[in-house]
Amino acid sequence: MAEGARGVIVEVHTHDEGRADRLLSLGVTPGASVTMLQTFPGVVFLCDQTELAVERRVANTILVRLQETRP
């Protein structure tokens, strides 16, 4: 996702149960709205009303359906 892009979480693909539980407890769940705030050096995104910073490998486990941008 590019900075400023918005979307909705579809699924979280992690085989690490502890990581999945942690993401769920932070609100990273299917149906949650996300906005990408920063992609470098770390990944920072807004999930509903919570700002989260995660490692890139963690961010790559979150499947997001992008919302179309309007010109």
N, C-alpha and C. Protein backbone atom coordinates (compact mmCIF):
# COMPACT_ATOMS: atom_id res chain seq x y z
N MET A 1 0.84 -1.18 0.00
CA MET A 1 0.00 0.00 0.00
C MET A 1 0.88 1.24 0.00
N ALA A 2 0.47 2.21 -0.74
CA ALA A 2 1.18 3.49 -0.76
C ALA A 2 0.72 4.37 0.40
N GLU A 3 1.56 5.30 0.78
CA GLU A 3 1.19 6.23 1.84
C GLU A 3 -0.08 6.97 1.43
N GLY A 4 -1.03 7.07 2.35
CA GLY A 4 -2.29 7.74 2.09
C GLY A 4 -3.38 6.82 1.56
N ALA A 5 -3.00 5.61 1.13
CA ALA A 5 -3.99 4.66 0.60
C ALA A 5 -4.90 4.18 1.73
N ARG A 6 -6.15 3.91 1.36
CA ARG A 6 -7.14 3.42 2.33
C ARG A 6 -7.71 2.11 1.85
N GLY A 7 -8.15 1.32 2.82
CA GLY A 7 -8.75 0.04 2.47
C GLY A 7 -9.42 -0.60 3.67
N VAL A 8 -9.82 -1.85 3.47
CA VAL A 8 -10.49 -2.63 4.51
C VAL A 8 -9.75 -3.95 4.65
N ILE A 9 -9.47 -4.36 5.87
CA ILE A 9 -8.79 -5.63 6.10
C ILE A 9 -9.71 -6.77 5.70
N VAL A 10 -9.17 -7.68 4.90
CA VAL A 10 -9.91 -8.86 4.45
C VAL A 10 -9.54 -10.06 5.31
N GLU A 11 -8.24 -10.20 5.57
CA GLU A 11 -7.76 -11.38 6.30
C GLU A 11 -6.37 -11.11 6.85
N VAL A 12 -6.03 -11.82 7.92
CA VAL A 12 -4.68 -11.76 8.47
C VAL A 12 -4.08 -13.16 8.32
N HIS A 13 -3.01 -13.27 7.51
CA HIS A 13 -2.38 -14.54 7.18
C HIS A 13 -1.12 -14.75 8.00
N THR A 14 -1.24 -15.14 9.24
CA THR A 14 -0.05 -15.44 10.02
C THR A 14 -0.19 -16.82 10.64
N HIS A 15 0.90 -17.57 10.61
CA HIS A 15 0.90 -18.92 11.19
C HIS A 15 1.38 -18.88 12.63
N ASP A 16 1.76 -17.71 13.09
CA ASP A 16 2.22 -17.52 14.46
C ASP A 16 1.01 -17.13 15.30
N GLU A 17 0.53 -18.06 16.12
CA GLU A 17 -0.69 -17.83 16.89
C GLU A 17 -0.56 -16.63 17.83
N GLY A 18 0.60 -16.46 18.43
CA GLY A 18 0.82 -15.33 19.33
C GLY A 18 0.72 -14.01 18.60
N ARG A 19 1.30 -13.96 17.40
CA ARG A 19 1.25 -12.72 16.61
C ARG A 19 -0.19 -12.44 16.17
N ALA A 20 -0.90 -13.48 15.75
CA ALA A 20 -2.29 -13.31 15.33
C ALA A 20 -3.13 -12.78 16.48
N ASP A 21 -2.94 -13.35 17.67
CA ASP A 21 -3.69 -12.89 18.84
C ASP A 21 -3.37 -11.44 19.16
N ARG A 22 -2.10 -11.08 19.04
CA ARG A 22 -1.68 -9.70 19.33
C ARG A 22 -2.32 -8.73 18.34
N LEU A 23 -2.31 -9.07 17.05
CA LEU A 23 -2.93 -8.21 16.05
C LEU A 23 -4.43 -8.08 16.31
N LEU A 24 -5.07 -9.19 16.64
CA LEU A 24 -6.51 -9.15 16.93
C LEU A 24 -6.79 -8.25 18.13
N SER A 25 -5.96 -8.33 19.16
CA SER A 25 -6.18 -7.51 20.36
C SER A 25 -5.99 -6.02 20.07
N LEU A 26 -5.24 -5.70 19.01
CA LEU A 26 -5.02 -4.31 18.62
C LEU A 26 -6.09 -3.81 17.65
N GLY A 27 -7.03 -4.69 17.28
CA GLY A 27 -8.11 -4.29 16.38
C GLY A 27 -7.86 -4.58 14.92
N VAL A 28 -6.76 -5.28 14.62
CA VAL A 28 -6.45 -5.64 13.23
C VAL A 28 -7.26 -6.89 12.90
N THR A 29 -8.50 -6.65 12.48
CA THR A 29 -9.45 -7.73 12.23
C THR A 29 -10.14 -7.51 10.88
N PRO A 30 -10.63 -8.59 10.28
CA PRO A 30 -11.38 -8.43 9.03
C PRO A 30 -12.51 -7.42 9.20
N GLY A 31 -12.62 -6.52 8.24
CA GLY A 31 -13.65 -5.49 8.27
C GLY A 31 -13.17 -4.15 8.81
N ALA A 32 -12.00 -4.14 9.45
CA ALA A 32 -11.47 -2.88 10.00
C ALA A 32 -10.96 -2.00 8.87
N SER A 33 -11.17 -0.70 9.00
CA SER A 33 -10.67 0.27 8.02
C SER A 33 -9.21 0.59 8.32
N VAL A 34 -8.41 0.71 7.26
CA VAL A 34 -7.00 1.05 7.44
C VAL A 34 -6.60 2.19 6.50
N THR A 35 -5.68 3.00 6.98
CA THR A 35 -5.07 4.06 6.17
C THR A 35 -3.57 3.97 6.38
N MET A 36 -2.82 3.87 5.28
CA MET A 36 -1.36 3.78 5.37
C MET A 36 -0.79 5.17 5.65
N LEU A 37 -0.03 5.28 6.73
CA LEU A 37 0.56 6.56 7.11
C LEU A 37 2.03 6.67 6.71
N GLN A 38 2.76 5.55 6.80
CA GLN A 38 4.21 5.57 6.53
C GLN A 38 4.63 4.18 6.07
N THR A 39 5.52 4.12 5.08
CA THR A 39 6.00 2.83 4.60
C THR A 39 7.50 2.63 4.79
N PHE A 40 8.20 3.69 5.18
CA PHE A 40 9.64 3.57 5.38
C PHE A 40 10.08 4.53 6.47
N PRO A 41 10.94 4.16 7.36
CA PRO A 41 11.63 2.88 7.45
C PRO A 41 10.76 1.76 8.02
N GLY A 42 9.77 2.09 8.81
CA GLY A 42 8.84 1.09 9.32
C GLY A 42 7.47 1.31 8.71
N VAL A 43 6.57 0.39 8.96
CA VAL A 43 5.21 0.49 8.44
C VAL A 43 4.33 1.02 9.56
N VAL A 44 3.68 2.15 9.30
CA VAL A 44 2.78 2.76 10.27
C VAL A 44 1.44 2.94 9.58
N PHE A 45 0.38 2.45 10.22
CA PHE A 45 -0.94 2.60 9.63
C PHE A 45 -1.98 2.87 10.70
N LEU A 46 -3.07 3.46 10.27
CA LEU A 46 -4.20 3.74 11.14
C LEU A 46 -5.21 2.63 10.93
N CYS A 47 -5.56 1.95 12.00
CA CYS A 47 -6.55 0.87 11.94
C CYS A 47 -7.74 1.33 12.77
N ASP A 48 -8.83 1.65 12.08
CA ASP A 48 -9.97 2.33 12.69
C ASP A 48 -9.43 3.60 13.35
N GLN A 49 -9.34 3.68 14.66
CA GLN A 49 -8.85 4.92 15.28
C GLN A 49 -7.54 4.72 16.03
N THR A 50 -6.85 3.61 15.75
CA THR A 50 -5.61 3.29 16.44
C THR A 50 -4.43 3.35 15.48
N GLU A 51 -3.40 4.12 15.82
CA GLU A 51 -2.19 4.19 15.00
C GLU A 51 -1.25 3.07 15.43
N LEU A 52 -0.84 2.25 14.47
CA LEU A 52 0.01 1.10 14.76
C LEU A 52 1.29 1.16 13.94
N ALA A 53 2.40 0.74 14.55
CA ALA A 53 3.68 0.61 13.86
C ALA A 53 4.09 -0.86 13.96
N VAL A 54 4.36 -1.48 12.81
CA VAL A 54 4.72 -2.89 12.78
C VAL A 54 5.90 -3.11 11.84
N GLU A 55 6.57 -4.23 12.03
CA GLU A 55 7.65 -4.61 11.11
C GLU A 55 7.03 -4.94 9.75
N ARG A 56 7.81 -4.75 8.71
CA ARG A 56 7.32 -5.01 7.35
C ARG A 56 6.84 -6.46 7.20
N ARG A 57 7.53 -7.42 7.81
CA ARG A 57 7.12 -8.82 7.67
C ARG A 57 5.77 -9.07 8.33
N VAL A 58 5.45 -8.32 9.37
CA VAL A 58 4.13 -8.42 10.00
C VAL A 58 3.08 -7.76 9.11
N ALA A 59 3.40 -6.58 8.59
CA ALA A 59 2.47 -5.87 7.69
C ALA A 59 2.13 -6.72 6.47
N ASN A 60 3.10 -7.49 5.99
CA ASN A 60 2.87 -8.32 4.81
C ASN A 60 1.91 -9.47 5.05
N THR A 61 1.55 -9.74 6.30
CA THR A 61 0.59 -10.81 6.60
C THR A 61 -0.85 -10.30 6.60
N ILE A 62 -1.03 -8.99 6.45
CA ILE A 62 -2.37 -8.38 6.51
C ILE A 62 -2.86 -8.12 5.08
N LEU A 63 -3.93 -8.82 4.69
CA LEU A 63 -4.50 -8.67 3.35
C LEU A 63 -5.56 -7.58 3.39
N VAL A 64 -5.38 -6.57 2.53
CA VAL A 64 -6.27 -5.40 2.52
C VAL A 64 -6.89 -5.23 1.13
N ARG A 65 -8.20 -4.97 1.11
CA ARG A 65 -8.87 -4.61 -0.15
C ARG A 65 -8.85 -3.09 -0.22
N LEU A 66 -8.16 -2.56 -1.23
CA LEU A 66 -8.02 -1.11 -1.37
C LEU A 66 -9.32 -0.47 -1.80
N GLN A 67 -9.56 0.73 -1.29
CA GLN A 67 -10.69 1.53 -1.73
C GLN A 67 -10.23 2.35 -2.91
N GLU A 68 -11.11 2.53 -3.86
CA GLU A 68 -10.76 3.34 -5.03
C GLU A 68 -10.63 4.79 -4.61
N THR A 69 -9.63 5.44 -5.18
CA THR A 69 -9.45 6.86 -4.91
C THR A 69 -10.24 7.66 -5.92
N ARG A 70 -10.78 8.75 -5.48
CA ARG A 70 -11.56 9.61 -6.38
C ARG A 70 -10.69 10.80 -6.79
N PRO A 71 -10.69 11.12 -8.08
CA PRO A 71 -9.86 12.23 -8.56
C PRO A 71 -10.29 13.57 -8.02
